[in-house]
Amino acid sequence: MGRSDVVATYSIVACDPVASQWGVAVQSKFLAVGSVVPWAEPHVGAIATQSWANPRYGPDGLELLRSGQTAEEAVAALTGADEGREHRQLGVVDSSGRAATFTGKECQDWAGGRTGECYAAQGNILVSAATVDALAATFESNSHLELAERLIECLAAAQVAGGDRRGQQSASLLIVQKDAGYAKLSDTVVDLRVDDHERPLAELRRLFSLHRQLFGVTPEEDWIDVDDTVAEELRGRLTKLGYGGDLERAFADWAGTANLEERVDGLTRIDPIVLAALRKESA
């Protein structure tokens, strides 16, 4: 493996203990960085493996965390057993929000990391330390945001601060939470990857916006009662789109075609996001 195989990047691993979420966000001048760097498991932790990346750090690190080791202990165990450790970079957050980061002495400049409560930020082949500082500062100042949005803002701030000195190519966002993913049968809440793009962070933000539209949760108090007036509007718009017959069946068929079934619960009340999507499509 030559030096061209280096995964040079910046990343942040983090958790939100209130929401019981763990996640990783990463950007790099490297094809499909999301296929190598991010690893996470609910109530276990999150890991980013990069620089001259050792992909085994992901599953092996989660196993160490699962066995009860802290983030710092897991980092020590992984790097201690790896003869190539001086070329590696690693960030870990454990089940309790304890964080650790490691940068080998042979990682290309600028390379380093920072840790704080519930996060570890790291990067290599960067313009300067300002990139990692921006990851940390943005995470610390945005506790009001949900974890996914918070990590996207971290990547954006890091890019503005300098980013990977070779440029941009790919980005990834991974968020996990027990039984909070698709159909409540998956632990993966968000898994978005931009593999090759001139502006990967802008594309990642666009994909996340689409993800929220399809899979987000609108508070029940904001849902709209389907009275006779709303029902008549639905019937007219669905008929225009070719969905006739029984209203509830027609509505469910349209929602499934539009990939909005996760936002539908019968037809007594309707999610305003779904209604807006129907209005836009049938305009």
C-alpha atoms as a PDB file:
ATOM      1  CA  MET A   1       0.000   0.000   0.000  1.00  0.00           C
ATOM      2  CA  GLY A   2       1.532   3.310  -1.071  1.00  0.00           C
ATOM      3  CA  ARG A   3       1.056   6.783   0.300  1.00  0.00           C
ATOM      4  CA  SER A   4      -1.613   7.420  -2.349  1.00  0.00           C
ATOM      5  CA  ASP A   5      -3.864   5.182  -0.261  1.00  0.00           C
ATOM      6  CA  VAL A   6      -3.867   7.614   2.649  1.00  0.00           C
ATOM      7  CA  VAL A   7      -7.323   8.630   3.858  1.00  0.00           C
ATOM      8  CA  ALA A   8      -6.580  12.286   4.607  1.00  0.00           C
ATOM      9  CA  THR A   9      -9.555  13.948   6.151  1.00  0.00           C
ATOM     10  CA  TYR A  10     -11.153  15.719   9.059  1.00  0.00           C
ATOM     11  CA  SER A  11     -13.846  14.150  11.194  1.00  0.00           C
ATOM     12  CA  ILE A  12     -15.789  14.424  14.407  1.00  0.00           C
ATOM     13  CA  VAL A  13     -17.201  11.563  16.475  1.00  0.00           C
ATOM     14  CA  ALA A  14     -19.793  12.541  19.059  1.00  0.00           C
ATOM     15  CA  CYS A  15     -22.813  11.587  21.101  1.00  0.00           C
ATOM     16  CA  ASP A  16     -25.966  13.197  22.465  1.00  0.00           C
ATOM     17  CA  PRO A  17     -26.644  11.429  25.779  1.00  0.00           C
ATOM     18  CA  VAL A  18     -30.102  12.995  26.139  1.00  0.00           C
ATOM     19  CA  ALA A  19     -31.249  11.663  22.763  1.00  0.00           C
ATOM     20  CA  SER A  20     -29.185   8.454  23.161  1.00  0.00           C
ATOM     21  CA  GLN A  21     -27.554   9.052  19.788  1.00  0.00           C
ATOM     22  CA  TRP A  22     -23.991   8.464  18.585  1.00  0.00           C
ATOM     23  CA  GLY A  23     -22.566   9.677  15.313  1.00  0.00           C
ATOM     24  CA  VAL A  24     -19.688  10.463  12.976  1.00  0.00           C
ATOM     25  CA  ALA A  25     -19.307  13.190  10.354  1.00  0.00           C
ATOM     26  CA  VAL A  26     -16.375  13.291   7.951  1.00  0.00           C
ATOM     27  CA  GLN A  27     -15.086  15.143   4.864  1.00  0.00           C
ATOM     28  CA  SER A  28     -12.074  14.361   2.676  1.00  0.00           C
ATOM     29  CA  LYS A  29     -10.301  14.699  -0.637  1.00  0.00           C
ATOM     30  CA  PHE A  30     -10.763  10.947  -1.014  1.00  0.00           C
ATOM     31  CA  LEU A  31     -13.276   8.844  -2.927  1.00  0.00           C
ATOM     32  CA  ALA A  32     -16.204   7.513  -0.822  1.00  0.00           C
ATOM     33  CA  VAL A  33     -14.744   8.400   2.571  1.00  0.00           C
ATOM     34  CA  GLY A  34     -17.950   7.169   4.228  1.00  0.00           C
ATOM     35  CA  SER A  35     -17.080   3.601   3.262  1.00  0.00           C
ATOM     36  CA  VAL A  36     -13.947   3.626   5.428  1.00  0.00           C
ATOM     37  CA  VAL A  37     -13.991   6.144   8.283  1.00  0.00           C
ATOM     38  CA  PRO A  38     -17.287   6.059  10.273  1.00  0.00           C
ATOM     39  CA  TRP A  39     -18.450   3.364  12.695  1.00  0.00           C
ATOM     40  CA  ALA A  40     -21.094   3.596  15.425  1.00  0.00           C
ATOM     41  CA  GLU A  41     -23.369   1.462  17.583  1.00  0.00           C
ATOM     42  CA  PRO A  42     -26.118   2.632  19.980  1.00  0.00           C
ATOM     43  CA  HIS A  43     -25.152   2.603  23.676  1.00  0.00           C
ATOM     44  CA  VAL A  44     -21.662   1.457  22.666  1.00  0.00           C
ATOM     45  CA  GLY A  45     -19.926   4.363  20.951  1.00  0.00           C
ATOM     46  CA  ALA A  46     -18.661   5.936  17.738  1.00  0.00           C
ATOM     47  CA  ILE A  47     -15.319   5.622  15.945  1.00  0.00           C
ATOM     48  CA  ALA A  48     -13.512   7.394  13.106  1.00  0.00           C
ATOM     49  CA  THR A  49     -10.474   5.630  11.611  1.00  0.00           C
ATOM     50  CA  GLN A  50      -8.439   7.695   9.139  1.00  0.00           C
ATOM     51  CA  SER A  51      -5.044   8.880   7.847  1.00  0.00           C
ATOM     52  CA  TRP A  52      -3.424   5.649   6.588  1.00  0.00           C
ATOM     53  CA  ALA A  53      -6.634   4.107   7.804  1.00  0.00           C
ATOM     54  CA  ASN A  54      -6.887   0.733   9.500  1.00  0.00           C
ATOM     55  CA  PRO A  55     -10.482  -0.380   8.768  1.00  0.00           C
ATOM     56  CA  ARG A  56     -10.280  -3.014  11.513  1.00  0.00           C
ATOM     57  CA  TYR A  57     -10.251  -0.217  14.071  1.00  0.00           C
ATOM     58  CA  GLY A  58     -13.993   0.129  13.419  1.00  0.00           C
ATOM     59  CA  PRO A  59     -15.401  -3.305  14.315  1.00  0.00           C
ATOM     60  CA  ASP A  60     -12.569  -4.132  16.706  1.00  0.00           C
ATOM     61  CA  GLY A  61     -12.959  -0.821  18.496  1.00  0.00           C
ATOM     62  CA  LEU A  62     -16.701  -1.259  18.909  1.00  0.00           C
ATOM     63  CA  GLU A  63     -16.073  -4.718  20.335  1.00  0.00           C
ATOM     64  CA  LEU A  64     -13.664  -3.249  22.893  1.00  0.00           C
ATOM     65  CA  LEU A  65     -16.211  -0.597  23.859  1.00  0.00           C
ATOM     66  CA  ARG A  66     -18.939  -3.224  24.025  1.00  0.00           C
ATOM     67  CA  SER A  67     -16.810  -5.188  26.484  1.00  0.00           C
ATOM     68  CA  GLY A  68     -16.677  -2.202  28.833  1.00  0.00           C
ATOM     69  CA  GLN A  69     -13.472  -0.450  27.874  1.00  0.00           C
ATOM     70  CA  THR A  70     -13.446   3.348  27.894  1.00  0.00           C
ATOM     71  CA  ALA A  71     -12.665   5.405  24.809  1.00  0.00           C
ATOM     72  CA  GLU A  72      -9.112   5.987  26.035  1.00  0.00           C
ATOM     73  CA  GLU A  73      -8.581   2.301  26.800  1.00  0.00           C
ATOM     74  CA  ALA A  74      -9.929   1.281  23.388  1.00  0.00           C
ATOM     75  CA  VAL A  75      -7.605   3.706  21.609  1.00  0.00           C
ATOM     76  CA  ALA A  76      -4.642   2.408  23.587  1.00  0.00           C
ATOM     77  CA  ALA A  77      -5.527  -1.210  22.822  1.00  0.00           C
ATOM     78  CA  LEU A  78      -6.063  -0.649  19.101  1.00  0.00           C
ATOM     79  CA  THR A  79      -2.952   1.398  18.501  1.00  0.00           C
ATOM     80  CA  GLY A  80      -0.803  -0.653  20.849  1.00  0.00           C
ATOM     81  CA  ALA A  81      -1.422  -3.795  18.825  1.00  0.00           C
ATOM     82  CA  ASP A  82      -0.862  -2.097  15.456  1.00  0.00           C
ATOM     83  CA  GLU A  83       2.668  -1.867  14.011  1.00  0.00           C
ATOM     84  CA  GLY A  84       1.440   0.813  11.630  1.00  0.00           C
ATOM     85  CA  ARG A  85       0.052   3.018  14.400  1.00  0.00           C
ATOM     86  CA  GLU A  86       2.369   5.950  13.700  1.00  0.00           C
ATOM     87  CA  HIS A  87       0.603   6.398  10.353  1.00  0.00           C
ATOM     88  CA  ARG A  88      -2.917   6.139  11.845  1.00  0.00           C
ATOM     89  CA  GLN A  89      -5.418   8.601  13.181  1.00  0.00           C
ATOM     90  CA  LEU A  90      -8.340   7.622  15.372  1.00  0.00           C
ATOM     91  CA  GLY A  91     -11.194   9.260  17.265  1.00  0.00           C
ATOM     92  CA  VAL A  92     -13.486   7.474  19.732  1.00  0.00           C
ATOM     93  CA  VAL A  93     -16.470   8.386  21.913  1.00  0.00           C
ATOM     94  CA  ASP A  94     -17.780   5.709  24.275  1.00  0.00           C
ATOM     95  CA  SER A  95     -21.203   4.941  25.762  1.00  0.00           C
ATOM     96  CA  SER A  96     -20.749   7.526  28.535  1.00  0.00           C
ATOM     97  CA  GLY A  97     -19.542  10.341  26.284  1.00  0.00           C
ATOM     98  CA  ARG A  98     -15.884   9.963  27.233  1.00  0.00           C
ATOM     99  CA  ALA A  99     -13.660  10.796  24.282  1.00  0.00           C
ATOM    100  CA  ALA A 100     -10.142  10.041  23.052  1.00  0.00           C
ATOM    101  CA  THR A 101      -8.184  10.891  19.917  1.00  0.00           C
ATOM    102  CA  PHE A 102      -4.880   9.585  18.553  1.00  0.00           C
ATOM    103  CA  THR A 103      -2.568  10.941  15.861  1.00  0.00           C
ATOM    104  CA  GLY A 104       0.510   8.928  14.896  1.00  0.00           C
ATOM    105  CA  LYS A 105       3.845  10.681  14.543  1.00  0.00           C
ATOM    106  CA  GLU A 106       4.058   9.858  10.821  1.00  0.00           C
ATOM    107  CA  CYS A 107       0.695  11.411   9.861  1.00  0.00           C
ATOM    108  CA  GLN A 108       1.162  14.183   7.320  1.00  0.00           C
ATOM    109  CA  ASP A 109       0.980  17.800   8.530  1.00  0.00           C
ATOM    110  CA  TRP A 110      -1.050  19.435   9.665  1.00  0.00           C
ATOM    111  CA  ALA A 111      -2.357  16.575  11.789  1.00  0.00           C
ATOM    112  CA  GLY A 112      -3.840  16.457  15.273  1.00  0.00           C
ATOM    113  CA  GLY A 113      -6.991  16.296  17.348  1.00  0.00           C
ATOM    114  CA  ARG A 114      -9.005  17.717  20.221  1.00  0.00           C
ATOM    115  CA  THR A 115     -11.448  16.201  22.663  1.00  0.00           C
ATOM    116  CA  GLY A 116     -14.185  17.549  24.888  1.00  0.00           C
ATOM    117  CA  GLU A 117     -17.345  16.388  26.563  1.00  0.00           C
ATOM    118  CA  CYS A 118     -19.051  13.932  24.200  1.00  0.00           C
ATOM    119  CA  TYR A 119     -16.790  14.541  21.180  1.00  0.00           C
ATOM    120  CA  ALA A 120     -13.425  13.880  19.564  1.00  0.00           C
ATOM    121  CA  ALA A 121     -12.306  15.938  16.560  1.00  0.00           C
ATOM    122  CA  GLN A 122      -9.297  15.101  14.379  1.00  0.00           C
ATOM    123  CA  GLY A 123      -7.765  15.699  10.990  1.00  0.00           C
ATOM    124  CA  ASN A 124      -4.664  15.288   8.855  1.00  0.00           C
ATOM    125  CA  ILE A 125      -3.168  16.939   5.767  1.00  0.00           C
ATOM    126  CA  LEU A 126      -5.023  20.057   6.870  1.00  0.00           C
ATOM    127  CA  VAL A 127      -4.312  23.691   6.123  1.00  0.00           C
ATOM    128  CA  SER A 128      -3.773  24.270   9.851  1.00  0.00           C
ATOM    129  CA  ALA A 129      -5.009  23.459  13.354  1.00  0.00           C
ATOM    130  CA  ALA A 130      -7.845  25.923  12.725  1.00  0.00           C
ATOM    131  CA  THR A 131      -9.837  23.167  10.995  1.00  0.00           C
ATOM    132  CA  VAL A 132      -9.931  20.949  14.083  1.00  0.00           C
ATOM    133  CA  ASP A 133     -10.449  23.972  16.341  1.00  0.00           C
ATOM    134  CA  ALA A 134     -13.519  24.872  14.260  1.00  0.00           C
ATOM    135  CA  LEU A 135     -14.913  21.348  14.609  1.00  0.00           C
ATOM    136  CA  ALA A 136     -14.565  21.558  18.383  1.00  0.00           C
ATOM    137  CA  ALA A 137     -15.833  25.111  18.822  1.00  0.00           C
ATOM    138  CA  THR A 138     -18.865  24.537  16.608  1.00  0.00           C
ATOM    139  CA  PHE A 139     -19.831  21.361  18.427  1.00  0.00           C
ATOM    140  CA  GLU A 140     -19.495  23.038  21.813  1.00  0.00           C
ATOM    141  CA  SER A 141     -21.597  26.063  20.808  1.00  0.00           C
ATOM    142  CA  ASN A 142     -24.497  24.209  19.178  1.00  0.00           C
ATOM    143  CA  SER A 143     -25.907  21.966  21.891  1.00  0.00           C
ATOM    144  CA  HIS A 144     -29.404  23.201  20.984  1.00  0.00           C
ATOM    145  CA  LEU A 145     -29.278  21.354  17.649  1.00  0.00           C
ATOM    146  CA  GLU A 146     -30.070  17.693  17.080  1.00  0.00           C
ATOM    147  CA  LEU A 147     -26.899  15.654  16.680  1.00  0.00           C
ATOM    148  CA  ALA A 148     -27.116  15.203  12.895  1.00  0.00           C
ATOM    149  CA  GLU A 149     -27.533  18.909  12.188  1.00  0.00           C
ATOM    150  CA  ARG A 150     -24.899  19.754  14.783  1.00  0.00           C
ATOM    151  CA  LEU A 151     -22.319  17.554  13.058  1.00  0.00           C
ATOM    152  CA  ILE A 152     -23.105  18.988   9.622  1.00  0.00           C
ATOM    153  CA  GLU A 153     -22.512  22.469  11.023  1.00  0.00           C
ATOM    154  CA  CYS A 154     -19.189  21.242  12.417  1.00  0.00           C
ATOM    155  CA  LEU A 155     -18.052  20.063   8.973  1.00  0.00           C
ATOM    156  CA  ALA A 156     -19.139  23.323   7.365  1.00  0.00           C
ATOM    157  CA  ALA A 157     -17.258  25.426   9.912  1.00  0.00           C
ATOM    158  CA  ALA A 158     -14.144  23.285   9.516  1.00  0.00           C
ATOM    159  CA  GLN A 159     -14.190  23.744   5.752  1.00  0.00           C
ATOM    160  CA  VAL A 160     -14.460  27.507   6.111  1.00  0.00           C
ATOM    161  CA  ALA A 161     -11.494  27.375   8.487  1.00  0.00           C
ATOM    162  CA  GLY A 162      -9.344  25.675   5.859  1.00  0.00           C
ATOM    163  CA  GLY A 163     -10.297  22.033   5.595  1.00  0.00           C
ATOM    164  CA  ASP A 164      -8.255  19.356   3.840  1.00  0.00           C
ATOM    165  CA  ARG A 165      -5.445  21.277   2.134  1.00  0.00           C
ATOM    166  CA  ARG A 166      -5.868  19.163  -1.052  1.00  0.00           C
ATOM    167  CA  GLY A 167      -9.510  20.199  -1.514  1.00  0.00           C
ATOM    168  CA  GLN A 168     -12.879  18.449  -1.290  1.00  0.00           C
ATOM    169  CA  GLN A 169     -14.325  15.262  -2.755  1.00  0.00           C
ATOM    170  CA  SER A 170     -16.511  13.229  -0.405  1.00  0.00           C
ATOM    171  CA  ALA A 171     -18.395  13.477   2.883  1.00  0.00           C
ATOM    172  CA  SER A 172     -20.487  11.274   5.141  1.00  0.00           C
ATOM    173  CA  LEU A 173     -22.883  11.487   8.085  1.00  0.00           C
ATOM    174  CA  LEU A 174     -23.775   8.497  10.279  1.00  0.00           C
ATOM    175  CA  ILE A 175     -26.172   8.708  13.250  1.00  0.00           C
ATOM    176  CA  VAL A 176     -27.369   5.709  15.272  1.00  0.00           C
ATOM    177  CA  GLN A 177     -30.020   5.312  17.969  1.00  0.00           C
ATOM    178  CA  LYS A 178     -31.602   2.107  19.250  1.00  0.00           C
ATOM    179  CA  ASP A 179     -34.772   1.218  17.281  1.00  0.00           C
ATOM    180  CA  ALA A 180     -35.078   4.769  15.907  1.00  0.00           C
ATOM    181  CA  GLY A 181     -34.286   4.071  12.261  1.00  0.00           C
ATOM    182  CA  TYR A 182     -36.521   3.029   9.382  1.00  0.00           C
ATOM    183  CA  ALA A 183     -39.836   1.507  10.515  1.00  0.00           C
ATOM    184  CA  LYS A 184     -38.414   1.511  14.082  1.00  0.00           C
ATOM    185  CA  LEU A 185     -36.702  -1.748  13.105  1.00  0.00           C
ATOM    186  CA  SER A 186     -33.254  -0.294  12.488  1.00  0.00           C
ATOM    187  CA  ASP A 187     -30.702   1.468  14.675  1.00  0.00           C
ATOM    188  CA  THR A 188     -29.459   3.618  11.791  1.00  0.00           C
ATOM    189  CA  VAL A 189     -31.170   7.004  11.972  1.00  0.00           C
ATOM    190  CA  VAL A 190     -29.074   8.733   9.282  1.00  0.00           C
ATOM    191  CA  ASP A 191     -26.576   7.187   6.865  1.00  0.00           C
ATOM    192  CA  LEU A 192     -25.809   9.663   4.087  1.00  0.00           C
ATOM    193  CA  ARG A 193     -22.791   9.493   1.811  1.00  0.00           C
ATOM    194  CA  VAL A 194     -21.531  11.836  -0.878  1.00  0.00           C
ATOM    195  CA  ASP A 195     -18.905   9.735  -2.652  1.00  0.00           C
ATOM    196  CA  ASP A 196     -17.598  12.124  -5.340  1.00  0.00           C
ATOM    197  CA  HIS A 197     -18.701  15.743  -5.657  1.00  0.00           C
ATOM    198  CA  GLU A 198     -17.154  19.157  -6.256  1.00  0.00           C
ATOM    199  CA  ARG A 199     -18.975  20.506  -3.191  1.00  0.00           C
ATOM    200  CA  PRO A 200     -19.596  17.465  -0.986  1.00  0.00           C
ATOM    201  CA  LEU A 201     -20.720  19.408   2.088  1.00  0.00           C
ATOM    202  CA  ALA A 202     -23.352  21.341   0.150  1.00  0.00           C
ATOM    203  CA  GLU A 203     -24.569  18.056  -1.320  1.00  0.00           C
ATOM    204  CA  LEU A 204     -24.571  16.412   2.116  1.00  0.00           C
ATOM    205  CA  ARG A 205     -26.702  19.260   3.458  1.00  0.00           C
ATOM    206  CA  ARG A 206     -29.125  18.845   0.519  1.00  0.00           C
ATOM    207  CA  LEU A 207     -29.408  15.112   1.140  1.00  0.00           C
ATOM    208  CA  PHE A 208     -30.003  15.683   4.843  1.00  0.00           C
ATOM    209  CA  SER A 209     -32.806  18.123   4.041  1.00  0.00           C
ATOM    210  CA  LEU A 210     -34.414  15.466   1.828  1.00  0.00           C
ATOM    211  CA  HIS A 211     -33.901  12.865   4.555  1.00  0.00           C
ATOM    212  CA  ARG A 212     -35.715  15.061   7.078  1.00  0.00           C
ATOM    213  CA  GLN A 213     -38.599  15.542   4.669  1.00  0.00           C
ATOM    214  CA  LEU A 214     -39.039  11.804   4.188  1.00  0.00           C
ATOM    215  CA  PHE A 215     -38.178  10.457   7.624  1.00  0.00           C
ATOM    216  CA  GLY A 216     -38.418  13.360  10.061  1.00  0.00           C
ATOM    217  CA  VAL A 217     -40.967  13.467  12.889  1.00  0.00           C
ATOM    218  CA  THR A 218     -43.457  16.305  13.223  1.00  0.00           C
ATOM    219  CA  PRO A 219     -44.776  16.803  16.793  1.00  0.00           C
ATOM    220  CA  GLU A 220     -48.285  15.387  17.134  1.00  0.00           C
ATOM    221  CA  GLU A 221     -49.671  18.743  18.236  1.00  0.00           C
ATOM    222  CA  ASP A 222     -48.717  20.190  14.847  1.00  0.00           C
ATOM    223  CA  TRP A 223     -50.630  17.613  12.806  1.00  0.00           C
ATOM    224  CA  ILE A 224     -53.792  18.783  11.013  1.00  0.00           C
ATOM    225  CA  ASP A 225     -57.261  17.304  11.632  1.00  0.00           C
ATOM    226  CA  VAL A 226     -58.739  15.853   8.451  1.00  0.00           C
ATOM    227  CA  ASP A 227     -62.181  17.454   8.533  1.00  0.00           C
ATOM    228  CA  ASP A 228     -64.598  17.544   5.577  1.00  0.00           C
ATOM    229  CA  THR A 229     -62.801  20.485   3.961  1.00  0.00           C
ATOM    230  CA  VAL A 230     -59.349  18.885   4.180  1.00  0.00           C
ATOM    231  CA  ALA A 231     -60.733  15.527   3.048  1.00  0.00           C
ATOM    232  CA  GLU A 232     -62.270  17.124  -0.016  1.00  0.00           C
ATOM    233  CA  GLU A 233     -58.976  18.805  -0.860  1.00  0.00           C
ATOM    234  CA  LEU A 234     -57.127  15.507  -0.491  1.00  0.00           C
ATOM    235  CA  ARG A 235     -59.632  13.700  -2.695  1.00  0.00           C
ATOM    236  CA  GLY A 236     -59.325  16.319  -5.418  1.00  0.00           C
ATOM    237  CA  ARG A 237     -55.550  16.403  -5.397  1.00  0.00           C
ATOM    238  CA  LEU A 238     -55.207  12.619  -5.302  1.00  0.00           C
ATOM    239  CA  THR A 239     -57.669  12.188  -8.143  1.00  0.00           C
ATOM    240  CA  LYS A 240     -55.681  14.704 -10.183  1.00  0.00           C
ATOM    241  CA  LEU A 241     -52.619  12.535  -9.652  1.00  0.00           C
ATOM    242  CA  GLY A 242     -54.473   9.359 -10.657  1.00  0.00           C
ATOM    243  CA  TYR A 243     -55.312   7.971  -7.197  1.00  0.00           C
ATOM    244  CA  GLY A 244     -59.060   7.411  -7.093  1.00  0.00           C
ATOM    245  CA  GLY A 245     -61.484   5.281  -5.095  1.00  0.00           C
ATOM    246  CA  ASP A 246     -61.456   4.957  -1.304  1.00  0.00           C
ATOM    247  CA  LEU A 247     -59.771   8.077   0.084  1.00  0.00           C
ATOM    248  CA  GLU A 248     -57.685   6.417   2.780  1.00  0.00           C
ATOM    249  CA  ARG A 249     -56.462   3.750   0.381  1.00  0.00           C
ATOM    250  CA  ALA A 250     -55.707   6.319  -2.316  1.00  0.00           C
ATOM    251  CA  PHE A 251     -53.822   8.466   0.186  1.00  0.00           C
ATOM    252  CA  ALA A 252     -51.758   5.510   1.432  1.00  0.00           C
ATOM    253  CA  ASP A 253     -50.925   4.468  -2.136  1.00  0.00           C
ATOM    254  CA  TRP A 254     -49.747   7.965  -3.020  1.00  0.00           C
ATOM    255  CA  ALA A 255     -47.728   8.306   0.195  1.00  0.00           C
ATOM    256  CA  GLY A 256     -45.980   5.003  -0.511  1.00  0.00           C
ATOM    257  CA  THR A 257     -45.123   6.086  -4.044  1.00  0.00           C
ATOM    258  CA  ALA A 258     -43.775   9.381  -2.692  1.00  0.00           C
ATOM    259  CA  ASN A 259     -41.724   7.532  -0.020  1.00  0.00           C
ATOM    260  CA  LEU A 260     -43.623   9.376   2.719  1.00  0.00           C
ATOM    261  CA  GLU A 261     -45.197   6.322   4.357  1.00  0.00           C
ATOM    262  CA  GLU A 262     -43.133   6.854   7.512  1.00  0.00           C
ATOM    263  CA  ARG A 263     -45.026  10.128   8.027  1.00  0.00           C
ATOM    264  CA  VAL A 264     -48.516   8.640   7.598  1.00  0.00           C
ATOM    265  CA  ASP A 265     -50.757   7.211  10.345  1.00  0.00           C
ATOM    266  CA  GLY A 266     -54.213   6.611   8.925  1.00  0.00           C
ATOM    267  CA  LEU A 267     -56.251   9.590   7.761  1.00  0.00           C
ATOM    268  CA  THR A 268     -57.800  11.044  10.891  1.00  0.00           C
ATOM    269  CA  ARG A 269     -54.965  13.557  11.026  1.00  0.00           C
ATOM    270  CA  ILE A 270     -52.254  14.486   8.541  1.00  0.00           C
ATOM    271  CA  ASP A 271     -48.648  15.564   8.935  1.00  0.00           C
ATOM    272  CA  PRO A 272     -48.323  19.105   7.477  1.00  0.00           C
ATOM    273  CA  ILE A 273     -45.116  18.055   5.702  1.00  0.00           C
ATOM    274  CA  VAL A 274     -47.075  15.372   3.866  1.00  0.00           C
ATOM    275  CA  LEU A 275     -49.870  17.778   2.993  1.00  0.00           C
ATOM    276  CA  ALA A 276     -47.346  20.292   1.649  1.00  0.00           C
ATOM    277  CA  ALA A 277     -45.731  17.574  -0.496  1.00  0.00           C
ATOM    278  CA  LEU A 278     -49.126  16.559  -1.928  1.00  0.00           C
ATOM    279  CA  ARG A 279     -50.016  20.165  -2.680  1.00  0.00           C
ATOM    280  CA  LYS A 280     -46.693  20.724  -4.443  1.00  0.00           C
ATOM    281  CA  GLU A 281     -46.968  17.564  -6.534  1.00  0.00           C
ATOM    282  CA  SER A 282     -50.570  18.226  -7.544  1.00  0.00           C
ATOM    283  CA  ALA A 283     -50.228  21.974  -8.145  1.00  0.00           C
END
